[in-house]
Amino acid sequence: MTASLAAFTLVALLGLFMAIDLFRGVHVPRQMVLTHAGFAVLGALLAIGAALAGNTQVYVNIALVVIIVLLGVTAAHKRYTTGQVQKGLILAHAGLAVICYLILAAVVFGVKVTG
């Protein structure tokens, strides 16, 4: 779980830098987008591995990641096909990602968030 959190920390930092650039109208290099996506996949696989090993606390994260990925892929596709940044998609992607990250951090650090 700690490795998943570490991967998602890097994903979050890259995402923050990309979002700032996109909202300022600055071009984001494709390599940065692919690095962001690659580490997101790594973090998700590590979380899935933890779930398969019996850690049921990350099930919510896995469901959220599916939605986050769909929003991110949709935003990237629209940007590359139309040249326009879909700010609403990026905000939804980022907002859900923050929630997912906080839940994962709570699990890793042993913060009881339910019952």
C-alpha atoms as a PDB file:
ATOM      1  CA  MET A   1       0.000   0.000   0.000  1.00  0.00           C
ATOM      2  CA  THR A   2       2.850   2.369   0.760  1.00  0.00           C
ATOM      3  CA  ALA A   3       4.265   1.799  -2.722  1.00  0.00           C
ATOM      4  CA  SER A   4       0.869   2.619  -4.222  1.00  0.00           C
ATOM      5  CA  LEU A   5       0.719   5.834  -2.196  1.00  0.00           C
ATOM      6  CA  ALA A   6       4.240   6.742  -3.332  1.00  0.00           C
ATOM      7  CA  ALA A   7       3.285   6.214  -6.980  1.00  0.00           C
ATOM      8  CA  PHE A   8       0.120   8.268  -6.578  1.00  0.00           C
ATOM      9  CA  THR A   9       2.090  11.035  -4.861  1.00  0.00           C
ATOM     10  CA  LEU A  10       4.172  11.390  -8.010  1.00  0.00           C
ATOM     11  CA  VAL A  11       1.001  11.201 -10.111  1.00  0.00           C
ATOM     12  CA  ALA A  12      -0.549  13.990  -8.032  1.00  0.00           C
ATOM     13  CA  LEU A  13       2.475  16.254  -8.391  1.00  0.00           C
ATOM     14  CA  LEU A  14       2.650  15.728 -12.145  1.00  0.00           C
ATOM     15  CA  GLY A  15      -1.096  16.276 -12.401  1.00  0.00           C
ATOM     16  CA  LEU A  16      -0.871  19.517 -10.454  1.00  0.00           C
ATOM     17  CA  PHE A  17       1.867  20.870 -12.710  1.00  0.00           C
ATOM     18  CA  MET A  18      -0.044  19.813 -15.827  1.00  0.00           C
ATOM     19  CA  ALA A  19      -3.306  21.364 -14.618  1.00  0.00           C
ATOM     20  CA  ILE A  20      -1.596  24.661 -13.818  1.00  0.00           C
ATOM     21  CA  ASP A  21      -0.040  24.733 -17.280  1.00  0.00           C
ATOM     22  CA  LEU A  22      -3.296  23.786 -19.007  1.00  0.00           C
ATOM     23  CA  PHE A  23      -5.283  26.462 -17.201  1.00  0.00           C
ATOM     24  CA  ARG A  24      -2.621  29.028 -18.116  1.00  0.00           C
ATOM     25  CA  GLY A  25      -2.745  27.958 -21.745  1.00  0.00           C
ATOM     26  CA  VAL A  26       0.779  26.531 -21.688  1.00  0.00           C
ATOM     27  CA  HIS A  27       1.497  23.435 -23.785  1.00  0.00           C
ATOM     28  CA  VAL A  28       1.962  20.260 -21.736  1.00  0.00           C
ATOM     29  CA  PRO A  29       4.470  17.861 -23.323  1.00  0.00           C
ATOM     30  CA  ARG A  30       3.049  14.477 -24.282  1.00  0.00           C
ATOM     31  CA  GLN A  31       5.877  12.801 -22.335  1.00  0.00           C
ATOM     32  CA  MET A  32       4.612  14.412 -19.136  1.00  0.00           C
ATOM     33  CA  VAL A  33       1.076  13.197 -19.832  1.00  0.00           C
ATOM     34  CA  LEU A  34       2.327   9.666 -20.517  1.00  0.00           C
ATOM     35  CA  THR A  35       4.503   9.683 -17.384  1.00  0.00           C
ATOM     36  CA  HIS A  36       1.483  10.822 -15.346  1.00  0.00           C
ATOM     37  CA  ALA A  37      -0.611   8.028 -16.861  1.00  0.00           C
ATOM     38  CA  GLY A  38       2.116   5.407 -16.443  1.00  0.00           C
ATOM     39  CA  PHE A  39       2.597   6.086 -12.755  1.00  0.00           C
ATOM     40  CA  ALA A  40      -1.185   6.140 -12.303  1.00  0.00           C
ATOM     41  CA  VAL A  41      -1.372   2.655 -13.813  1.00  0.00           C
ATOM     42  CA  LEU A  42       1.456   1.516 -11.532  1.00  0.00           C
ATOM     43  CA  GLY A  43      -0.292   2.923  -8.452  1.00  0.00           C
ATOM     44  CA  ALA A  44      -3.577   1.313  -9.485  1.00  0.00           C
ATOM     45  CA  LEU A  45      -1.944  -2.074 -10.052  1.00  0.00           C
ATOM     46  CA  LEU A  46      -0.295  -1.900  -6.640  1.00  0.00           C
ATOM     47  CA  ALA A  47      -3.651  -1.045  -5.030  1.00  0.00           C
ATOM     48  CA  ILE A  48      -5.336  -3.910  -6.897  1.00  0.00           C
ATOM     49  CA  GLY A  49      -2.569  -6.216  -5.695  1.00  0.00           C
ATOM     50  CA  ALA A  50      -3.240  -5.117  -2.117  1.00  0.00           C
ATOM     51  CA  ALA A  51      -6.956  -5.765  -2.604  1.00  0.00           C
ATOM     52  CA  LEU A  52      -6.282  -9.230  -3.993  1.00  0.00           C
ATOM     53  CA  ALA A  53      -4.046  -9.892  -0.994  1.00  0.00           C
ATOM     54  CA  GLY A  54      -7.033  -9.240   1.260  1.00  0.00           C
ATOM     55  CA  ASN A  55      -6.985  -5.506   1.969  1.00  0.00           C
ATOM     56  CA  THR A  56     -10.647  -4.663   1.459  1.00  0.00           C
ATOM     57  CA  GLN A  57     -10.165  -1.026   2.484  1.00  0.00           C
ATOM     58  CA  VAL A  58      -8.963  -0.118  -1.009  1.00  0.00           C
ATOM     59  CA  TYR A  59     -12.056  -1.333  -2.873  1.00  0.00           C
ATOM     60  CA  VAL A  60     -13.506   2.182  -2.929  1.00  0.00           C
ATOM     61  CA  ASN A  61     -10.234   3.482  -4.353  1.00  0.00           C
ATOM     62  CA  ILE A  62     -10.293   0.949  -7.155  1.00  0.00           C
ATOM     63  CA  ALA A  63     -13.814   2.008  -8.142  1.00  0.00           C
ATOM     64  CA  LEU A  64     -12.811   5.676  -8.001  1.00  0.00           C
ATOM     65  CA  VAL A  65      -9.711   5.028 -10.100  1.00  0.00           C
ATOM     66  CA  VAL A  66     -11.864   3.631 -12.905  1.00  0.00           C
ATOM     67  CA  ILE A  67     -13.872   6.872 -13.006  1.00  0.00           C
ATOM     68  CA  ILE A  68     -10.743   9.031 -12.665  1.00  0.00           C
ATOM     69  CA  VAL A  69      -9.050   7.213 -15.544  1.00  0.00           C
ATOM     70  CA  LEU A  70     -12.099   7.581 -17.786  1.00  0.00           C
ATOM     71  CA  LEU A  71     -12.221  11.325 -17.085  1.00  0.00           C
ATOM     72  CA  GLY A  72      -8.481  11.704 -17.689  1.00  0.00           C
ATOM     73  CA  VAL A  73      -8.497   9.747 -20.934  1.00  0.00           C
ATOM     74  CA  THR A  74     -11.538  11.676 -22.156  1.00  0.00           C
ATOM     75  CA  ALA A  75      -9.899  15.027 -21.312  1.00  0.00           C
ATOM     76  CA  ALA A  76      -6.650  14.036 -23.028  1.00  0.00           C
ATOM     77  CA  HIS A  77      -8.472  12.714 -26.101  1.00  0.00           C
ATOM     78  CA  LYS A  78     -10.502  15.903 -26.473  1.00  0.00           C
ATOM     79  CA  ARG A  79      -7.386  18.020 -26.044  1.00  0.00           C
ATOM     80  CA  TYR A  80      -5.432  16.129 -28.688  1.00  0.00           C
ATOM     81  CA  THR A  81      -8.296  15.884 -31.180  1.00  0.00           C
ATOM     82  CA  THR A  82      -9.809  19.367 -30.835  1.00  0.00           C
ATOM     83  CA  GLY A  83      -6.921  21.329 -29.345  1.00  0.00           C
ATOM     84  CA  GLN A  84      -9.234  22.590 -26.619  1.00  0.00           C
ATOM     85  CA  VAL A  85      -8.812  21.989 -22.919  1.00  0.00           C
ATOM     86  CA  GLN A  86     -11.993  20.734 -21.276  1.00  0.00           C
ATOM     87  CA  LYS A  87     -11.587  22.469 -17.912  1.00  0.00           C
ATOM     88  CA  GLY A  88     -14.669  20.837 -16.413  1.00  0.00           C
ATOM     89  CA  LEU A  89     -13.316  17.367 -17.147  1.00  0.00           C
ATOM     90  CA  ILE A  90      -9.940  18.291 -15.688  1.00  0.00           C
ATOM     91  CA  LEU A  91     -11.537  19.685 -12.522  1.00  0.00           C
ATOM     92  CA  ALA A  92     -13.688  16.559 -12.096  1.00  0.00           C
ATOM     93  CA  HIS A  93     -10.648  14.339 -12.733  1.00  0.00           C
ATOM     94  CA  ALA A  94      -8.540  16.271 -10.224  1.00  0.00           C
ATOM     95  CA  GLY A  95     -11.274  16.503  -7.588  1.00  0.00           C
ATOM     96  CA  LEU A  96     -11.949  12.772  -7.586  1.00  0.00           C
ATOM     97  CA  ALA A  97      -8.206  12.085  -7.647  1.00  0.00           C
ATOM     98  CA  VAL A  98      -7.719  14.167  -4.491  1.00  0.00           C
ATOM     99  CA  ILE A  99     -10.503  12.255  -2.725  1.00  0.00           C
ATOM    100  CA  CYS A 100      -9.017   8.934  -3.845  1.00  0.00           C
ATOM    101  CA  TYR A 101      -5.539   9.995  -2.700  1.00  0.00           C
ATOM    102  CA  LEU A 102      -6.795  11.065   0.737  1.00  0.00           C
ATOM    103  CA  ILE A 103      -8.625   7.764   1.226  1.00  0.00           C
ATOM    104  CA  LEU A 104      -5.505   5.820   0.247  1.00  0.00           C
ATOM    105  CA  ALA A 105      -3.333   7.932   2.569  1.00  0.00           C
ATOM    106  CA  ALA A 106      -5.780   7.323   5.424  1.00  0.00           C
ATOM    107  CA  VAL A 107      -5.563   3.570   4.838  1.00  0.00           C
ATOM    108  CA  VAL A 108      -1.753   3.615   4.648  1.00  0.00           C
ATOM    109  CA  PHE A 109      -1.384   5.699   7.804  1.00  0.00           C
ATOM    110  CA  GLY A 110      -4.020   3.730   9.704  1.00  0.00           C
ATOM    111  CA  VAL A 111      -6.580   6.499  10.068  1.00  0.00           C
ATOM    112  CA  LYS A 112      -9.971   4.951  10.724  1.00  0.00           C
ATOM    113  CA  VAL A 113     -12.447   6.685   8.430  1.00  0.00           C
ATOM    114  CA  THR A 114     -15.535   4.539   9.007  1.00  0.00           C
ATOM    115  CA  GLY A 115     -17.513   3.300  12.000  1.00  0.00           C
END
